[in-house]
């Protein structure tokens, strides 16, 4: 699946999301967060680098290691895509009946409660 607006695959968008919200990560940590193998993540990171969306930098704490970080271009592309998706979602929710909107609010509260239990 490729996002029509950004032209990015779901795995690329997901990895960018991790980098945007968690900050620079090692390849191992990024692979763990995305629940993929290190070789799979290595290929994905290489693609993100080739697209100018992520960059490898020396780890400040461990000079032997590398950290992957989102570039300014990657962050801007991710944020713009996020804004568009949220606007679309807001529009769709606004079209629901008030009772349906209320039900969504209750479901969201339950999901937050469940997530907080972990």
PDB file of N, CA and C in Angstrom:
ATOM      1  N   UNK A   1       0.840  -1.174   0.000  1.00  0.00           N
ATOM      2  CA  UNK A   1       0.000   0.000   0.000  1.00  0.00           C
ATOM      3  C   UNK A   1       0.892   1.246   0.000  1.00  0.00           C
ATOM      4  N   UNK A   2       0.568   2.192  -0.849  1.00  0.00           N
ATOM      5  CA  UNK A   2       1.312   3.447  -0.934  1.00  0.00           C
ATOM      6  C   UNK A   2       0.346   4.600  -0.680  1.00  0.00           C
ATOM      7  N   UNK A   3       0.751   5.514   0.185  1.00  0.00           N
ATOM      8  CA  UNK A   3      -0.046   6.700   0.479  1.00  0.00           C
ATOM      9  C   UNK A   3      -0.063   7.588  -0.759  1.00  0.00           C
ATOM     10  N   UNK A   4      -1.254   7.908  -1.242  1.00  0.00           N
ATOM     11  CA  UNK A   4      -1.382   8.696  -2.469  1.00  0.00           C
ATOM     12  C   UNK A   4      -0.750  10.079  -2.358  1.00  0.00           C
ATOM     13  N   UNK A   5      -0.868  10.694  -1.205  1.00  0.00           N
ATOM     14  CA  UNK A   5      -0.375  12.064  -1.037  1.00  0.00           C
ATOM     15  C   UNK A   5       1.147  12.138  -0.919  1.00  0.00           C
ATOM     16  N   UNK A   6       1.733  11.229  -0.128  1.00  0.00           N
ATOM     17  CA  UNK A   6       3.181  11.291   0.107  1.00  0.00           C
ATOM     18  C   UNK A   6       3.971  10.401  -0.846  1.00  0.00           C
ATOM     19  N   UNK A   7       3.310   9.394  -1.406  1.00  0.00           N
ATOM     20  CA  UNK A   7       3.999   8.435  -2.252  1.00  0.00           C
ATOM     21  C   UNK A   7       4.809   7.422  -1.462  1.00  0.00           C
ATOM     22  N   UNK A   8       4.609   7.390  -0.140  1.00  0.00           N
ATOM     23  CA  UNK A   8       5.370   6.482   0.721  1.00  0.00           C
ATOM     24  C   UNK A   8       4.560   5.241   1.063  1.00  0.00           C
ATOM     25  N   UNK A   9       5.272   4.132   1.191  1.00  0.00           N
ATOM     26  CA  UNK A   9       4.631   2.888   1.608  1.00  0.00           C
ATOM     27  C   UNK A   9       4.280   2.961   3.087  1.00  0.00           C
ATOM     28  N   UNK A  10       3.370   2.100   3.505  1.00  0.00           N
ATOM     29  CA  UNK A  10       2.984   2.046   4.918  1.00  0.00           C
ATOM     30  C   UNK A  10       4.191   1.769   5.820  1.00  0.00           C
ATOM     31  N   UNK A  11       5.091   0.832   5.455  1.00  0.00           N
ATOM     32  CA  UNK A  11       6.264   0.614   6.315  1.00  0.00           C
ATOM     33  C   UNK A  11       7.158   1.851   6.444  1.00  0.00           C
ATOM     34  N   UNK A  12       7.326   2.606   5.353  1.00  0.00           N
ATOM     35  CA  UNK A  12       8.140   3.825   5.431  1.00  0.00           C
ATOM     36  C   UNK A  12       7.471   4.864   6.329  1.00  0.00           C
ATOM     37  N   UNK A  13       6.162   5.046   6.170  1.00  0.00           N
ATOM     38  CA  UNK A  13       5.439   6.002   7.015  1.00  0.00           C
ATOM     39  C   UNK A  13       5.507   5.596   8.477  1.00  0.00           C
ATOM     40  N   UNK A  14       5.391   4.298   8.735  1.00  0.00           N
ATOM     41  CA  UNK A  14       5.436   3.816  10.110  1.00  0.00           C
ATOM     42  C   UNK A  14       6.812   4.041  10.728  1.00  0.00           C
ATOM     43  N   UNK A  15       7.864   3.740   9.986  1.00  0.00           N
ATOM     44  CA  UNK A  15       9.221   3.962  10.496  1.00  0.00           C
ATOM     45  C   UNK A  15       9.472   5.452  10.727  1.00  0.00           C
ATOM     46  N   UNK A  16       9.009   6.298   9.815  1.00  0.00           N
ATOM     47  CA  UNK A  16       9.143   7.746  10.011  1.00  0.00           C
ATOM     48  C   UNK A  16       8.414   8.184  11.274  1.00  0.00           C
ATOM     49  N   UNK A  17       7.250   7.604  11.510  1.00  0.00           N
ATOM     50  CA  UNK A  17       6.480   7.936  12.712  1.00  0.00           C
ATOM     51  C   UNK A  17       7.284   7.631  13.970  1.00  0.00           C
ATOM     52  N   UNK A  18       7.930   6.478  13.997  1.00  0.00           N
ATOM     53  CA  UNK A  18       8.757   6.113  15.152  1.00  0.00           C
ATOM     54  C   UNK A  18       9.877   7.135  15.328  1.00  0.00           C
ATOM     55  N   UNK A  19      10.530   7.497  14.243  1.00  0.00           N
ATOM     56  CA  UNK A  19      11.636   8.452  14.329  1.00  0.00           C
ATOM     57  C   UNK A  19      11.159   9.845  14.737  1.00  0.00           C
ATOM     58  N   UNK A  20       9.999  10.252  14.259  1.00  0.00           N
ATOM     59  CA  UNK A  20       9.460  11.568  14.617  1.00  0.00           C
ATOM     60  C   UNK A  20       9.094  11.606  16.095  1.00  0.00           C
ATOM     61  N   UNK A  21       8.402  10.577  16.573  1.00  0.00           N
ATOM     62  CA  UNK A  21       7.882  10.619  17.939  1.00  0.00           C
ATOM     63  C   UNK A  21       8.854  10.113  19.004  1.00  0.00           C
ATOM     64  N   UNK A  22       9.741   9.187  18.646  1.00  0.00           N
ATOM     65  CA  UNK A  22      10.703   8.668  19.629  1.00  0.00           C
ATOM     66  C   UNK A  22      12.070   9.315  19.517  1.00  0.00           C
ATOM     67  N   UNK A  23      12.338   9.924  18.391  1.00  0.00           N
ATOM     68  CA  UNK A  23      13.646  10.519  18.185  1.00  0.00           C
ATOM     69  C   UNK A  23      14.617   9.524  17.572  1.00  0.00           C
ATOM     70  N   UNK A  24      15.876   9.935  17.422  1.00  0.00           N
ATOM     71  CA  UNK A  24      16.881   9.068  16.811  1.00  0.00           C
ATOM     72  C   UNK A  24      16.933   7.704  17.495  1.00  0.00           C
ATOM     73  N   UNK A  25      17.090   6.660  16.678  1.00  0.00           N
ATOM     74  CA  UNK A  25      17.072   5.288  17.187  1.00  0.00           C
ATOM     75  C   UNK A  25      18.165   4.475  16.523  1.00  0.00           C
ATOM     76  N   UNK A  26      18.607   3.460  17.224  1.00  0.00           N
ATOM     77  CA  UNK A  26      19.521   2.503  16.602  1.00  0.00           C
ATOM     78  C   UNK A  26      18.708   1.646  15.638  1.00  0.00           C
ATOM     79  N   UNK A  27      19.383   1.007  14.713  1.00  0.00           N
ATOM     80  CA  UNK A  27      18.711   0.119  13.771  1.00  0.00           C
ATOM     81  C   UNK A  27      17.988  -0.989  14.532  1.00  0.00           C
ATOM     82  N   UNK A  28      18.649  -1.523  15.541  1.00  0.00           N
ATOM     83  CA  UNK A  28      18.066  -2.603  16.344  1.00  0.00           C
ATOM     84  C   UNK A  28      16.781  -2.139  17.030  1.00  0.00           C
ATOM     85  N   UNK A  29      16.812  -0.959  17.644  1.00  0.00           N
ATOM     86  CA  UNK A  29      15.623  -0.449  18.337  1.00  0.00           C
ATOM     87  C   UNK A  29      14.498  -0.122  17.361  1.00  0.00           C
ATOM     88  N   UNK A  30      14.855   0.408  16.213  1.00  0.00           N
ATOM     89  CA  UNK A  30      13.850   0.724  15.204  1.00  0.00           C
ATOM     90  C   UNK A  30      13.207  -0.558  14.671  1.00  0.00           C
ATOM     91  N   UNK A  31      14.021  -1.582  14.430  1.00  0.00           N
ATOM     92  CA  UNK A  31      13.488  -2.872  13.977  1.00  0.00           C
ATOM     93  C   UNK A  31      12.563  -3.471  15.033  1.00  0.00           C
ATOM     94  N   UNK A  32      12.953  -3.373  16.282  1.00  0.00           N
ATOM     95  CA  UNK A  32      12.125  -3.896  17.371  1.00  0.00           C
ATOM     96  C   UNK A  32      10.790  -3.148  17.437  1.00  0.00           C
ATOM     97  N   UNK A  33      10.840  -1.834  17.332  1.00  0.00           N
ATOM     98  CA  UNK A  33       9.616  -1.024  17.389  1.00  0.00           C
ATOM     99  C   UNK A  33       8.670  -1.358  16.237  1.00  0.00           C
ATOM    100  N   UNK A  34       9.238  -1.666  15.089  1.00  0.00           N
ATOM    101  CA  UNK A  34       8.431  -1.973  13.907  1.00  0.00           C
ATOM    102  C   UNK A  34       8.133  -3.466  13.769  1.00  0.00           C
ATOM    103  N   UNK A  35       8.679  -4.255  14.675  1.00  0.00           N
ATOM    104  CA  UNK A  35       8.467  -5.704  14.700  1.00  0.00           C
ATOM    105  C   UNK A  35       8.887  -6.366  13.381  1.00  0.00           C
ATOM    106  N   UNK A  36      10.095  -5.995  12.933  1.00  0.00           N
ATOM    107  CA  UNK A  36      10.689  -6.601  11.747  1.00  0.00           C
ATOM    108  C   UNK A  36      12.122  -7.000  12.075  1.00  0.00           C
ATOM    109  N   UNK A  37      12.738  -7.752  11.191  1.00  0.00           N
ATOM    110  CA  UNK A  37      14.124  -8.157  11.402  1.00  0.00           C
ATOM    111  C   UNK A  37      15.063  -6.988  11.106  1.00  0.00           C
ATOM    112  N   UNK A  38      16.270  -7.087  11.628  1.00  0.00           N
ATOM    113  CA  UNK A  38      17.274  -6.049  11.371  1.00  0.00           C
ATOM    114  C   UNK A  38      17.571  -5.909   9.873  1.00  0.00           C
ATOM    115  N   UNK A  39      17.722  -7.021   9.118  1.00  0.00           N
ATOM    116  CA  UNK A  39      17.966  -6.858   7.679  1.00  0.00           C
ATOM    117  C   UNK A  39      16.813  -6.145   6.951  1.00  0.00           C
ATOM    118  N   UNK A  40      15.586  -6.444   7.354  1.00  0.00           N
ATOM    119  CA  UNK A  40      14.435  -5.764   6.747  1.00  0.00           C
ATOM    120  C   UNK A  40      14.481  -4.275   7.055  1.00  0.00           C
ATOM    121  N   UNK A  41      14.781  -3.933   8.306  1.00  0.00           N
ATOM    122  CA  UNK A  41      14.849  -2.520   8.686  1.00  0.00           C
ATOM    123  C   UNK A  41      16.022  -1.838   8.006  1.00  0.00           C
ATOM    124  N   UNK A  42      17.132  -2.545   7.846  1.00  0.00           N
ATOM    125  CA  UNK A  42      18.298  -1.979   7.176  1.00  0.00           C
ATOM    126  C   UNK A  42      17.938  -1.555   5.752  1.00  0.00           C
ATOM    127  N   UNK A  43      17.198  -2.383   5.048  1.00  0.00           N
ATOM    128  CA  UNK A  43      16.752  -2.067   3.684  1.00  0.00           C
ATOM    129  C   UNK A  43      15.811  -0.866   3.702  1.00  0.00           C
ATOM    130  N   UNK A  44      14.885  -0.853   4.653  1.00  0.00           N
ATOM    131  CA  UNK A  44      13.929   0.249   4.761  1.00  0.00           C
ATOM    132  C   UNK A  44      14.646   1.571   5.053  1.00  0.00           C
ATOM    133  N   UNK A  45      15.618   1.531   5.961  1.00  0.00           N
ATOM    134  CA  UNK A  45      16.387   2.735   6.298  1.00  0.00           C
ATOM    135  C   UNK A  45      17.185   3.205   5.080  1.00  0.00           C
ATOM    136  N   UNK A  46      17.757   2.270   4.332  1.00  0.00           N
ATOM    137  CA  UNK A  46      18.492   2.643   3.115  1.00  0.00           C
ATOM    138  C   UNK A  46      17.564   3.356   2.130  1.00  0.00           C
ATOM    139  N   UNK A  47      16.337   2.864   2.010  1.00  0.00           N
ATOM    140  CA  UNK A  47      15.361   3.513   1.130  1.00  0.00           C
ATOM    141  C   UNK A  47      15.001   4.910   1.639  1.00  0.00           C
ATOM    142  N   UNK A  48      14.798   5.035   2.954  1.00  0.00           N
ATOM    143  CA  UNK A  48      14.484   6.346   3.535  1.00  0.00           C
ATOM    144  C   UNK A  48      15.641   7.324   3.320  1.00  0.00           C
ATOM    145  N   UNK A  49      16.869   6.815   3.459  1.00  0.00           N
ATOM    146  CA  UNK A  49      18.049   7.665   3.210  1.00  0.00           C
ATOM    147  C   UNK A  49      18.107   8.107   1.752  1.00  0.00           C
ATOM    148  N   UNK A  50      17.864   7.170   0.842  1.00  0.00           N
ATOM    149  CA  UNK A  50      17.898   7.488  -0.588  1.00  0.00           C
ATOM    150  C   UNK A  50      16.842   8.531  -0.951  1.00  0.00           C
ATOM    151  N   UNK A  51      15.725   8.507  -0.233  1.00  0.00           N
ATOM    152  CA  UNK A  51      14.644   9.478  -0.459  1.00  0.00           C
ATOM    153  C   UNK A  51      14.893  10.801   0.268  1.00  0.00           C
ATOM    154  N   UNK A  52      15.973  10.872   1.056  1.00  0.00           N
ATOM    155  CA  UNK A  52      16.281  12.089   1.804  1.00  0.00           C
ATOM    156  C   UNK A  52      15.396  12.295   3.020  1.00  0.00           C
ATOM    157  N   UNK A  53      14.789  11.219   3.526  1.00  0.00           N
ATOM    158  CA  UNK A  53      13.842  11.319   4.638  1.00  0.00           C
ATOM    159  C   UNK A  53      14.450  10.944   5.982  1.00  0.00           C
ATOM    160  N   UNK A  54      15.559  10.229   5.961  1.00  0.00           N
ATOM    161  CA  UNK A  54      16.250   9.824   7.188  1.00  0.00           C
ATOM    162  C   UNK A  54      17.746   9.847   6.919  1.00  0.00           C
ATOM    163  N   UNK A  55      18.516   9.917   7.999  1.00  0.00           N
ATOM    164  CA  UNK A  55      19.978   9.939   7.876  1.00  0.00           C
ATOM    165  C   UNK A  55      20.583   9.161   9.031  1.00  0.00           C
ATOM    166  N   UNK A  56      21.721   8.536   8.760  1.00  0.00           N
ATOM    167  CA  UNK A  56      22.473   7.847   9.814  1.00  0.00           C
ATOM    168  C   UNK A  56      23.503   8.820  10.369  1.00  0.00           C
ATOM    169  N   UNK A  57      23.602   8.846  11.672  1.00  0.00           N
ATOM    170  CA  UNK A  57      24.572   9.704  12.356  1.00  0.00           C
ATOM    171  C   UNK A  57      25.320   8.865  13.385  1.00  0.00           C
ATOM    172  N   UNK A  58      26.533   9.285  13.704  1.00  0.00           N
ATOM    173  CA  UNK A  58      27.298   8.597  14.747  1.00  0.00           C
ATOM    174  C   UNK A  58      26.560   8.742  16.075  1.00  0.00           C
ATOM    175  N   UNK A  59      26.543   7.662  16.833  1.00  0.00           N
ATOM    176  CA  UNK A  59      25.927   7.684  18.166  1.00  0.00           C
ATOM    177  C   UNK A  59      26.837   8.483  19.088  1.00  0.00           C
ATOM    178  N   UNK A  60      26.302   9.472  19.756  1.00  0.00           N
ATOM    179  CA  UNK A  60      27.112  10.334  20.629  1.00  0.00           C
ATOM    180  C   UNK A  60      27.651   9.578  21.835  1.00  0.00           C
ATOM    181  N   UNK A  61      26.920   8.570  22.291  1.00  0.00           N
ATOM    182  CA  UNK A  61      27.340   7.813  23.472  1.00  0.00           C
ATOM    183  C   UNK A  61      28.245   6.643  23.115  1.00  0.00           C
ATOM    184  N   UNK A  62      28.010   6.026  21.965  1.00  0.00           N
ATOM    185  CA  UNK A  62      28.790   4.876  21.523  1.00  0.00           C
ATOM    186  C   UNK A  62      29.300   5.178  20.115  1.00  0.00           C
ATOM    187  N   UNK A  63      30.530   5.631  20.022  1.00  0.00           N
ATOM    188  CA  UNK A  63      31.090   6.071  18.740  1.00  0.00           C
ATOM    189  C   UNK A  63      31.115   4.957  17.693  1.00  0.00           C
ATOM    190  N   UNK A  64      31.011   3.705  18.127  1.00  0.00           N
ATOM    191  CA  UNK A  64      30.977   2.596  17.175  1.00  0.00           C
ATOM    192  C   UNK A  64      29.593   2.431  16.556  1.00  0.00           C
ATOM    193  N   UNK A  65      28.584   2.956  17.222  1.00  0.00           N
ATOM    194  CA  UNK A  65      27.206   2.763  16.778  1.00  0.00           C
ATOM    195  C   UNK A  65      26.687   3.903  15.918  1.00  0.00           C
ATOM    196  N   UNK A  66      25.577   3.628  15.273  1.00  0.00           N
ATOM    197  CA  UNK A  66      24.899   4.622  14.447  1.00  0.00           C
ATOM    198  C   UNK A  66      23.482   4.836  14.955  1.00  0.00           C
ATOM    199  N   UNK A  67      22.998   6.031  14.783  1.00  0.00           N
ATOM    200  CA  UNK A  67      21.606   6.358  15.106  1.00  0.00           C
ATOM    201  C   UNK A  67      20.941   6.800  13.810  1.00  0.00           C
ATOM    202  N   UNK A  68      19.714   6.389  13.633  1.00  0.00           N
ATOM    203  CA  UNK A  68      18.945   6.833  12.484  1.00  0.00           C
ATOM    204  C   UNK A  68      18.042   7.957  12.963  1.00  0.00           C
ATOM    205  N   UNK A  69      18.043   9.061  12.223  1.00  0.00           N
ATOM    206  CA  UNK A  69      17.186  10.181  12.605  1.00  0.00           C
ATOM    207  C   UNK A  69      16.434  10.685  11.384  1.00  0.00           C
ATOM    208  N   UNK A  70      15.293  11.254  11.635  1.00  0.00           N
ATOM    209  CA  UNK A  70      14.486  11.822  10.562  1.00  0.00           C
ATOM    210  C   UNK A  70      15.126  13.137  10.120  1.00  0.00           C
ATOM    211  N   UNK A  71      15.119  13.391   8.827  1.00  0.00           N
ATOM    212  CA  UNK A  71      15.634  14.661   8.306  1.00  0.00           C
ATOM    213  C   UNK A  71      14.518  15.709   8.355  1.00  0.00           C
ATOM    214  N   UNK A  72      14.890  16.950   8.119  1.00  0.00           N
ATOM    215  CA  UNK A  72      13.883  18.018   8.073  1.00  0.00           C
ATOM    216  C   UNK A  72      12.855  17.722   6.982  1.00  0.00           C
ATOM    217  N   UNK A  73      13.317  17.227   5.854  1.00  0.00           N
ATOM    218  CA  UNK A  73      12.404  16.875   4.753  1.00  0.00           C
ATOM    219  C   UNK A  73      11.477  15.742   5.174  1.00  0.00           C
ATOM    220  N   UNK A  74      12.032  14.739   5.842  1.00  0.00           N
ATOM    221  CA  UNK A  74      11.219  13.613   6.301  1.00  0.00           C
ATOM    222  C   UNK A  74      10.168  14.045   7.305  1.00  0.00           C
ATOM    223  N   UNK A  75      10.566  14.896   8.236  1.00  0.00           N
ATOM    224  CA  UNK A  75       9.625  15.398   9.248  1.00  0.00           C
ATOM    225  C   UNK A  75       8.510  16.214   8.587  1.00  0.00           C
ATOM    226  N   UNK A  76       8.885  17.083   7.656  1.00  0.00           N
ATOM    227  CA  UNK A  76       7.887  17.921   6.980  1.00  0.00           C
ATOM    228  C   UNK A  76       6.895  17.067   6.192  1.00  0.00           C
ATOM    229  N   UNK A  77       7.401  16.071   5.482  1.00  0.00           N
ATOM    230  CA  UNK A  77       6.527  15.185   4.707  1.00  0.00           C
ATOM    231  C   UNK A  77       5.595  14.411   5.631  1.00  0.00           C
ATOM    232  N   UNK A  78       6.148  13.892   6.731  1.00  0.00           N
ATOM    233  CA  UNK A  78       5.339  13.145   7.693  1.00  0.00           C
ATOM    234  C   UNK A  78       4.265  14.042   8.305  1.00  0.00           C
ATOM    235  N   UNK A  79       4.656  15.229   8.751  1.00  0.00           N
ATOM    236  CA  UNK A  79       3.713  16.149   9.408  1.00  0.00           C
ATOM    237  C   UNK A  79       2.606  16.588   8.457  1.00  0.00           C
ATOM    238  N   UNK A  80       2.956  16.875   7.210  1.00  0.00           N
ATOM    239  CA  UNK A  80       1.936  17.286   6.240  1.00  0.00           C
ATOM    240  C   UNK A  80       0.953  16.142   5.978  1.00  0.00           C
ATOM    241  N   UNK A  81       1.466  14.942   5.829  1.00  0.00           N
ATOM    242  CA  UNK A  81       0.586  13.788   5.644  1.00  0.00           C
ATOM    243  C   UNK A  81      -0.319  13.579   6.841  1.00  0.00           C
ATOM    244  N   UNK A  82       0.232  13.762   8.023  1.00  0.00           N
ATOM    245  CA  UNK A  82      -0.560  13.619   9.256  1.00  0.00           C
ATOM    246  C   UNK A  82      -1.664  14.671   9.311  1.00  0.00           C
ATOM    247  N   UNK A  83      -1.334  15.905   8.967  1.00  0.00           N
ATOM    248  CA  UNK A  83      -2.349  16.975   8.966  1.00  0.00           C
ATOM    249  C   UNK A  83      -3.493  16.645   8.004  1.00  0.00           C
ATOM    250  N   UNK A  84      -3.141  16.159   6.820  1.00  0.00           N
ATOM    251  CA  UNK A  84      -4.177  15.814   5.837  1.00  0.00           C
ATOM    252  C   UNK A  84      -5.063  14.677   6.335  1.00  0.00           C
ATOM    253  N   UNK A  85      -4.446  13.647   6.911  1.00  0.00           N
ATOM    254  CA  UNK A  85      -5.237  12.502   7.401  1.00  0.00           C
ATOM    255  C   UNK A  85      -6.151  12.917   8.546  1.00  0.00           C
ATOM    256  N   UNK A  86      -5.656  13.767   9.450  1.00  0.00           N
ATOM    257  CA  UNK A  86      -6.490  14.233  10.564  1.00  0.00           C
ATOM    258  C   UNK A  86      -7.640  15.104  10.069  1.00  0.00           C
ATOM    259  N   UNK A  87      -7.390  15.944   9.087  1.00  0.00           N
ATOM    260  CA  UNK A  87      -8.458  16.783   8.529  1.00  0.00           C
ATOM    261  C   UNK A  87      -9.535  15.917   7.887  1.00  0.00           C
ATOM    262  N   UNK A  88      -9.121  14.900   7.165  1.00  0.00           N
ATOM    263  CA  UNK A  88     -10.073  13.979   6.545  1.00  0.00           C
ATOM    264  C   UNK A  88     -10.892  13.258   7.611  1.00  0.00           C
ATOM    265  N   UNK A  89     -10.213  12.795   8.656  1.00  0.00           N
ATOM    266  CA  UNK A  89     -10.908  12.094   9.736  1.00  0.00           C
ATOM    267  C   UNK A  89     -11.897  13.022  10.444  1.00  0.00           C
ATOM    268  N   UNK A  90     -11.472  14.248  10.729  1.00  0.00           N
ATOM    269  CA  UNK A  90     -12.385  15.215  11.372  1.00  0.00           C
ATOM    270  C   UNK A  90     -13.630  15.440  10.524  1.00  0.00           C
ATOM    271  N   UNK A  91     -13.430  15.555   9.230  1.00  0.00           N
ATOM    272  CA  UNK A  91     -14.541  15.758   8.308  1.00  0.00           C
ATOM    273  C   UNK A  91     -15.496  14.566   8.343  1.00  0.00           C
ATOM    274  N   UNK A  92     -14.944  13.366   8.324  1.00  0.00           N
ATOM    275  CA  UNK A  92     -15.776  12.153   8.348  1.00  0.00           C
ATOM    276  C   UNK A  92     -16.541  12.046   9.664  1.00  0.00           C
ATOM    277  N   UNK A  93     -15.884  12.333  10.783  1.00  0.00           N
ATOM    278  CA  UNK A  93     -16.543  12.260  12.090  1.00  0.00           C
ATOM    279  C   UNK A  93     -17.649  13.309  12.177  1.00  0.00           C
ATOM    280  N   UNK A  94     -17.409  14.485  11.630  1.00  0.00           N
ATOM    281  CA  UNK A  94     -18.418  15.551  11.662  1.00  0.00           C
ATOM    282  C   UNK A  94     -19.679  15.165  10.898  1.00  0.00           C
ATOM    283  N   UNK A  95     -19.550  14.250   9.946  1.00  0.00           N
ATOM    284  CA  UNK A  95     -20.700  13.811   9.160  1.00  0.00           C
ATOM    285  C   UNK A  95     -21.531  12.748   9.876  1.00  0.00           C
ATOM    286  N   UNK A  96     -21.015  12.198  10.962  1.00  0.00           N
ATOM    287  CA  UNK A  96     -21.753  11.188  11.723  1.00  0.00           C
ATOM    288  C   UNK A  96     -22.857  11.837  12.545  1.00  0.00           C
ATOM    289  N   UNK A  97     -23.852  11.035  12.875  1.00  0.00           N
ATOM    290  CA  UNK A  97     -24.906  11.498  13.778  1.00  0.00           C
ATOM    291  C   UNK A  97     -24.291  11.755  15.150  1.00  0.00           C
ATOM    292  N   UNK A  98     -24.914  12.629  15.931  1.00  0.00           N
ATOM    293  CA  UNK A  98     -24.404  12.972  17.267  1.00  0.00           C
ATOM    294  C   UNK A  98     -24.245  11.726  18.134  1.00  0.00           C
ATOM    295  N   UNK A  99     -25.183  10.799  18.054  1.00  0.00           N
ATOM    296  CA  UNK A  99     -25.096   9.572  18.854  1.00  0.00           C
ATOM    297  C   UNK A  99     -23.872   8.750  18.448  1.00  0.00           C
ATOM    298  N   UNK A 100     -23.588   8.708  17.153  1.00  0.00           N
ATOM    299  CA  UNK A 100     -22.414   7.975  16.677  1.00  0.00           C
ATOM    300  C   UNK A 100     -21.125   8.662  17.130  1.00  0.00           C
ATOM    301  N   UNK A 101     -21.112   9.987  17.108  1.00  0.00           N
ATOM    302  CA  UNK A 101     -19.951  10.726  17.589  1.00  0.00           C
ATOM    303  C   UNK A 101     -19.722  10.444  19.072  1.00  0.00           C
ATOM    304  N   UNK A 102     -20.794  10.389  19.831  1.00  0.00           N
ATOM    305  CA  UNK A 102     -20.696  10.090  21.260  1.00  0.00           C
ATOM    306  C   UNK A 102     -20.144   8.687  21.477  1.00  0.00           C
ATOM    307  N   UNK A 103     -20.628   7.740  20.681  1.00  0.00           N
ATOM    308  CA  UNK A 103     -20.150   6.360  20.777  1.00  0.00           C
ATOM    309  C   UNK A 103     -18.653   6.283  20.475  1.00  0.00           C
ATOM    310  N   UNK A 104     -18.207   7.022  19.474  1.00  0.00           N
ATOM    311  CA  UNK A 104     -16.772   7.061  19.163  1.00  0.00           C
ATOM    312  C   UNK A 104     -15.972   7.616  20.336  1.00  0.00           C
ATOM    313  N   UNK A 105     -16.492   8.648  20.979  1.00  0.00           N
ATOM    314  CA  UNK A 105     -15.823   9.221  22.148  1.00  0.00           C
ATOM    315  C   UNK A 105     -15.694   8.214  23.273  1.00  0.00           C
ATOM    316  N   UNK A 106     -16.755   7.449  23.503  1.00  0.00           N
ATOM    317  CA  UNK A 106     -16.717   6.415  24.541  1.00  0.00           C
ATOM    318  C   UNK A 106     -15.707   5.331  24.181  1.00  0.00           C
ATOM    319  N   UNK A 107     -15.693   4.928  22.921  1.00  0.00           N
ATOM    320  CA  UNK A 107     -14.745   3.898  22.480  1.00  0.00           C
ATOM    321  C   UNK A 107     -13.307   4.392  22.628  1.00  0.00           C
ATOM    322  N   UNK A 108     -13.069   5.653  22.293  1.00  0.00           N
ATOM    323  CA  UNK A 108     -11.724   6.219  22.430  1.00  0.00           C
ATOM    324  C   UNK A 108     -11.287   6.221  23.888  1.00  0.00           C
ATOM    325  N   UNK A 109     -12.200   6.569  24.792  1.00  0.00           N
ATOM    326  CA  UNK A 109     -11.875   6.566  26.222  1.00  0.00           C
ATOM    327  C   UNK A 109     -11.519   5.161  26.689  1.00  0.00           C
ATOM    328  N   UNK A 110     -12.252   4.160  26.211  1.00  0.00           N
ATOM    329  CA  UNK A 110     -11.940   2.770  26.565  1.00  0.00           C
ATOM    330  C   UNK A 110     -10.569   2.360  26.034  1.00  0.00           C
ATOM    331  N   UNK A 111     -10.265   2.748  24.812  1.00  0.00           N
ATOM    332  CA  UNK A 111      -8.967   2.402  24.228  1.00  0.00           C
ATOM    333  C   UNK A 111      -7.828   3.044  25.010  1.00  0.00           C
ATOM    334  N   UNK A 112      -8.001   4.288  25.416  1.00  0.00           N
ATOM    335  CA  UNK A 112      -6.972   4.956  26.222  1.00  0.00           C
ATOM    336  C   UNK A 112      -6.796   4.258  27.563  1.00  0.00           C
ATOM    337  N   UNK A 113      -7.886   3.840  28.166  1.00  0.00           N
ATOM    338  CA  UNK A 113      -7.802   3.136  29.445  1.00  0.00           C
ATOM    339  C   UNK A 113      -7.060   1.812  29.284  1.00  0.00           C
ATOM    340  N   UNK A 114      -7.382   1.077  28.237  1.00  0.00           N
ATOM    341  CA  UNK A 114      -6.708  -0.200  27.981  1.00  0.00           C
ATOM    342  C   UNK A 114      -5.216   0.028  27.739  1.00  0.00           C
ATOM    343  N   UNK A 115      -4.881   1.038  26.941  1.00  0.00           N
ATOM    344  CA  UNK A 115      -3.476   1.329  26.635  1.00  0.00           C
ATOM    345  C   UNK A 115      -2.705   1.718  27.889  1.00  0.00           C
ATOM    346  N   UNK A 116      -3.364   2.400  28.812  1.00  0.00           N
ATOM    347  CA  UNK A 116      -2.706   2.840  30.049  1.00  0.00           C
ATOM    348  C   UNK A 116      -2.424   1.683  30.990  1.00  0.00           C
ATOM    349  N   UNK A 117      -3.100   0.560  30.802  1.00  0.00           N
ATOM    350  CA  UNK A 117      -2.919  -0.602  31.678  1.00  0.00           C
ATOM    351  C   UNK A 117      -1.607  -1.320  31.428  1.00  0.00           C
ATOM    352  N   UNK A 118      -1.003  -1.116  30.272  1.00  0.00           N
ATOM    353  CA  UNK A 118       0.251  -1.825  29.948  1.00  0.00           C
ATOM    354  C   UNK A 118       1.423  -1.248  30.647  1.00  0.00           C
TER     355      UNK A 118
END
